[in-house]
Amino acid sequence: MSPLSEEEDIEEMENAEADDKQLVFATMLKDYQILLSKSQVPSVKEKKDKATKEFLAALQEKLTLALMKGTLSKKISRMKSEVKKKCDLNRTGNKKLLLKSWEKVMAELIGAKTNPSIAQVQGAVSVGVSSGVARAKIPMPNFLTKSETTVELIEPPPKKLQSINGCMKRKTGDDVLKLLETDDTKILSLAQLQRLVLLEQLKVLTLKRQRLEKETPAITYVDVNVNDGPDYELADI
């Protein structure tokens, strides 16, 4: 065996070991999913701080990995960004993707829009990882219809599905935004979006006025001359 092939074998073993640690790390995140939240609500931040301390202690115990709070946040953000970029439908189309075991766990945790033809890396460790193919999410509806827009014509968000236990799942602001957002509106600034809404409202009002003008019958005015009636003579007194 040549020295080069030995070095490649060593590097491959090191990469496999690193992937195994990443898998354990991502699997542990399942019990601390609040660490994935970006919410600044005081109650959430308090729970997140508590979970961070517990998670760092668990990392030290299971992986003998000592991380600081800031380093942990950066590591989680980097893992999320890597998975999102790899699973981006707009970038990959229908190309077949190969996700490592830890990447698949992370994709499930963050709800990444996965490619319909994602496949798991052959031979990868699959502890705690589902072997099923990830499903593609339904594309977002268009923001505006062809002939009508704004107040009257924006499609209402789909009805909330009732869960098994009968409770209604509450949609967040991000969920509603994803339903209405399009590639065209993503590139517009807030001022441009406001102007777009006002222009579309003006268009709708103009169409209403034209329709009312067509439906309202014209009023004909007749001139009445009081001198057109019969003449009466007054008797002499």
Protein backbone atom coordinates (compact mmCIF):
# COMPACT_ATOMS: atom_id res chain seq x y z
CA MET A 1 0.00 0.00 0.00
CA SER A 2 1.46 3.37 -1.01
CA PRO A 3 2.00 6.17 1.56
CA LEU A 4 -0.58 8.26 -0.26
CA SER A 5 -3.30 5.64 0.09
CA GLU A 6 -2.46 5.24 3.80
CA GLU A 7 -2.90 8.98 4.30
CA GLU A 8 -6.22 8.85 2.46
CA ASP A 9 -7.37 5.98 4.68
CA ILE A 10 -6.43 7.93 7.80
CA GLU A 11 -8.23 11.03 6.54
CA GLU A 12 -11.33 8.98 5.69
CA MET A 13 -11.34 7.45 9.18
CA GLU A 14 -11.02 10.89 10.76
CA ASN A 15 -13.90 12.22 8.64
CA ALA A 16 -16.07 9.24 9.58
CA GLU A 17 -15.31 9.81 13.27
CA ALA A 18 -16.18 13.50 12.89
CA ASP A 19 -19.48 12.59 11.20
CA ASP A 20 -20.28 10.21 14.05
CA LYS A 21 -19.75 13.02 16.58
CA GLN A 22 -21.88 15.35 14.48
CA LEU A 23 -24.63 12.71 14.47
CA VAL A 24 -24.51 12.37 18.26
CA PHE A 25 -24.55 16.17 18.58
CA ALA A 26 -27.57 16.54 16.24
CA THR A 27 -29.40 13.66 17.94
CA MET A 28 -28.89 15.28 21.36
CA LEU A 29 -30.42 18.48 19.98
CA LYS A 30 -33.75 16.65 19.67
CA ASP A 31 -34.11 16.99 23.45
CA TYR A 32 -33.04 20.67 23.37
CA GLN A 33 -34.85 22.01 20.31
CA ILE A 34 -35.36 25.37 22.02
CA LEU A 35 -31.67 26.04 21.22
CA LEU A 36 -32.72 26.36 17.56
CA SER A 37 -35.09 29.22 18.36
CA LYS A 38 -34.18 32.84 17.57
CA SER A 39 -36.97 34.28 19.69
CA GLN A 40 -36.07 37.22 21.96
CA VAL A 41 -39.10 36.81 24.23
CA PRO A 42 -37.87 36.94 27.84
CA SER A 43 -39.54 33.67 28.84
CA VAL A 44 -38.03 31.87 25.83
CA LYS A 45 -34.58 33.35 26.45
CA GLU A 46 -34.72 32.15 30.04
CA LYS A 47 -35.60 28.59 28.97
CA LYS A 48 -32.92 28.75 26.28
CA ASP A 49 -30.24 29.75 28.81
CA LYS A 50 -31.21 26.87 31.06
CA ALA A 51 -31.19 24.42 28.13
CA THR A 52 -27.78 25.72 27.02
CA LYS A 53 -26.22 24.91 30.39
CA GLU A 54 -27.73 21.42 30.42
CA PHE A 55 -26.68 20.75 26.82
CA LEU A 56 -23.08 21.88 27.42
CA ALA A 57 -22.89 19.56 30.43
CA ALA A 58 -24.27 16.67 28.34
CA LEU A 59 -21.69 17.33 25.62
CA GLN A 60 -18.91 17.25 28.18
CA GLU A 61 -20.19 13.93 29.52
CA LYS A 62 -20.95 12.10 26.25
CA LEU A 63 -18.39 13.54 23.83
CA THR A 64 -15.85 14.99 26.27
CA LEU A 65 -16.39 18.18 24.29
CA ALA A 66 -15.97 21.43 26.22
CA LEU A 67 -17.63 24.36 24.48
CA MET A 68 -18.42 27.90 25.50
CA LYS A 69 -21.93 29.32 25.12
CA GLY A 70 -20.94 31.52 22.17
CA THR A 71 -19.09 28.67 20.45
CA LEU A 72 -22.14 26.43 20.83
CA SER A 73 -24.42 29.00 19.18
CA LYS A 74 -21.99 29.42 16.27
CA LYS A 75 -21.71 25.66 15.80
CA ILE A 76 -25.50 25.20 15.71
CA SER A 77 -25.89 28.14 13.28
CA ARG A 78 -23.19 26.72 11.01
CA MET A 79 -24.82 23.28 10.96
CA LYS A 80 -28.24 24.82 10.19
CA SER A 81 -26.82 26.95 7.36
CA GLU A 82 -24.99 24.00 5.84
CA VAL A 83 -28.10 21.82 5.82
CA LYS A 84 -30.38 24.58 4.51
CA LYS A 85 -27.98 25.33 1.69
CA LYS A 86 -27.75 21.67 0.75
CA CYS A 87 -31.53 21.17 0.87
CA ASP A 88 -32.49 24.40 -0.92
CA LEU A 89 -35.05 23.47 -3.60
CA ASN A 90 -34.32 26.62 -5.60
CA ARG A 91 -30.64 25.68 -5.89
CA THR A 92 -30.87 21.92 -6.37
CA GLY A 93 -34.08 21.46 -8.40
CA ASN A 94 -34.62 17.73 -8.90
CA LYS A 95 -30.97 16.77 -8.60
CA LYS A 96 -30.39 13.81 -6.34
CA LEU A 97 -28.83 14.81 -3.02
CA LEU A 98 -26.83 12.74 -0.58
CA LEU A 99 -27.37 13.68 3.04
CA LYS A 100 -25.20 12.41 5.82
CA SER A 101 -26.94 10.97 8.85
CA TRP A 102 -26.41 14.06 11.01
CA GLU A 103 -27.53 16.34 8.15
CA LYS A 104 -30.80 14.44 7.86
CA VAL A 105 -31.45 14.75 11.61
CA MET A 106 -30.72 18.46 11.42
CA ALA A 107 -33.02 18.88 8.40
CA GLU A 108 -35.87 17.30 10.34
CA LEU A 109 -35.23 19.56 13.33
CA ILE A 110 -35.20 22.83 11.39
CA GLY A 111 -37.89 21.79 8.91
CA ALA A 112 -35.70 22.52 5.90
CA LYS A 113 -37.35 22.47 2.47
CA THR A 114 -35.89 19.22 1.27
CA ASN A 115 -35.32 18.02 -2.25
CA PRO A 116 -37.81 15.26 -3.25
CA SER A 117 -34.98 12.95 -4.30
CA ILE A 118 -32.79 13.19 -1.19
CA ALA A 119 -30.97 9.97 -0.36
CA GLN A 120 -28.94 9.04 2.68
CA VAL A 121 -25.22 8.42 2.22
CA GLN A 122 -24.71 4.73 1.69
CA GLY A 123 -23.05 3.05 4.67
CA ALA A 124 -23.50 6.02 6.99
CA VAL A 125 -24.31 5.47 10.67
CA SER A 126 -28.09 5.59 11.12
CA VAL A 127 -28.51 5.59 14.90
CA GLY A 128 -31.73 7.43 15.71
CA VAL A 129 -32.19 8.46 12.07
CA SER A 130 -35.16 7.54 9.91
CA SER A 131 -34.23 5.82 6.65
CA GLY A 132 -37.26 7.14 4.77
CA VAL A 133 -36.89 9.66 1.98
CA ALA A 134 -37.71 13.20 3.03
CA ARG A 135 -40.85 14.64 1.52
CA ALA A 136 -40.86 17.82 -0.49
CA LYS A 137 -43.01 20.65 0.83
CA ILE A 138 -45.88 22.04 -1.19
CA PRO A 139 -44.80 25.13 -3.19
CA MET A 140 -45.99 28.49 -1.89
CA PRO A 141 -49.06 29.97 -3.62
CA ASN A 142 -48.73 33.10 -5.76
CA PHE A 143 -49.10 36.39 -3.89
CA LEU A 144 -51.55 37.85 -6.41
CA THR A 145 -54.05 36.44 -8.88
CA LYS A 146 -54.09 37.40 -12.56
CA SER A 147 -56.99 39.83 -12.63
CA GLU A 148 -57.53 40.87 -9.01
CA THR A 149 -55.32 41.82 -6.13
CA THR A 150 -54.92 43.19 -2.59
CA VAL A 151 -57.82 43.29 -0.16
CA GLU A 152 -60.37 41.34 -2.20
CA LEU A 153 -58.06 38.94 -3.95
CA ILE A 154 -55.27 37.77 -1.67
CA GLU A 155 -55.88 34.08 -1.13
CA PRO A 156 -56.72 33.35 2.50
CA PRO A 157 -54.31 31.07 4.32
CA PRO A 158 -55.36 27.40 4.35
CA LYS A 159 -57.52 26.21 7.21
CA LYS A 160 -55.58 24.92 10.16
CA LEU A 161 -55.46 21.16 10.33
CA GLN A 162 -56.79 19.61 13.49
CA SER A 163 -54.29 17.45 15.31
CA ILE A 164 -54.97 13.95 16.61
CA ASN A 165 -55.74 15.11 20.15
CA GLY A 166 -58.25 17.68 18.86
CA CYS A 167 -56.09 20.75 19.54
CA MET A 168 -55.62 23.33 16.83
CA LYS A 169 -52.03 24.01 15.82
CA ARG A 170 -51.39 27.74 15.87
CA LYS A 171 -49.52 29.17 12.90
CA THR A 172 -46.70 31.59 13.51
CA GLY A 173 -46.07 34.84 11.66
CA ASP A 174 -43.29 33.15 9.68
CA ASP A 175 -45.70 30.40 8.54
CA VAL A 176 -48.21 32.95 7.21
CA LEU A 177 -45.44 34.93 5.53
CA LYS A 178 -44.17 31.82 3.74
CA LEU A 179 -47.65 31.18 2.34
CA LEU A 180 -47.89 34.68 0.84
CA GLU A 181 -44.26 35.31 -0.11
CA THR A 182 -43.16 34.94 -3.74
CA ASP A 183 -39.89 35.34 -5.58
CA ASP A 184 -41.09 38.77 -6.79
CA THR A 185 -42.01 40.11 -3.35
CA LYS A 186 -38.81 38.86 -1.72
CA ILE A 187 -36.72 41.41 -3.64
CA LEU A 188 -38.96 44.38 -2.81
CA SER A 189 -38.27 46.78 0.02
CA LEU A 190 -40.95 47.71 2.58
CA ALA A 191 -41.63 51.01 0.80
CA GLN A 192 -41.97 49.23 -2.55
CA LEU A 193 -44.37 46.67 -1.06
CA GLN A 194 -46.51 49.44 0.43
CA ARG A 195 -46.60 51.23 -2.92
CA LEU A 196 -47.53 47.98 -4.67
CA VAL A 197 -50.47 47.46 -2.30
CA LEU A 198 -51.70 51.04 -2.78
CA LEU A 199 -51.48 50.78 -6.56
CA GLU A 200 -53.38 47.51 -6.57
CA GLN A 201 -56.06 49.00 -4.28
CA LEU A 202 -56.38 51.94 -6.66
CA LYS A 203 -56.75 49.53 -9.55
CA VAL A 204 -59.53 47.65 -7.79
CA LEU A 205 -61.38 50.87 -6.90
CA THR A 206 -61.11 52.05 -10.51
CA LEU A 207 -62.56 48.78 -11.78
CA LYS A 208 -65.44 49.05 -9.26
CA ARG A 209 -66.21 52.59 -10.32
CA GLN A 210 -66.25 51.65 -14.01
CA ARG A 211 -68.53 48.70 -13.27
CA LEU A 212 -70.94 50.89 -11.32
CA GLU A 213 -71.01 53.43 -14.13
CA LYS A 214 -71.98 50.71 -16.59
CA GLU A 215 -74.68 49.24 -14.35
CA THR A 216 -76.27 52.54 -13.26
CA PRO A 217 -78.97 53.65 -15.78
CA ALA A 218 -78.58 57.13 -17.20
CA ILE A 219 -81.02 59.73 -15.77
CA THR A 220 -82.85 61.83 -18.39
CA TYR A 221 -83.79 65.33 -17.36
CA VAL A 222 -86.91 66.86 -19.03
CA ASP A 223 -87.37 70.63 -19.20
CA VAL A 224 -90.86 71.67 -18.21
CA ASN A 225 -92.06 75.02 -19.48
CA VAL A 226 -94.85 76.45 -17.33
CA ASN A 227 -96.08 78.51 -20.29
CA ASP A 228 -96.95 75.39 -22.28
CA GLY A 229 -100.24 74.85 -20.38
CA PRO A 230 -103.69 76.22 -21.37
CA ASP A 231 -104.31 79.92 -21.12
CA TYR A 232 -106.96 81.16 -18.70
CA GLU A 233 -108.62 84.59 -18.84
CA LEU A 234 -109.62 86.37 -15.70
CA ALA A 235 -113.17 87.72 -15.66
CA ASP A 236 -113.67 91.44 -15.23
CA ILE A 237 -114.90 92.40 -11.81
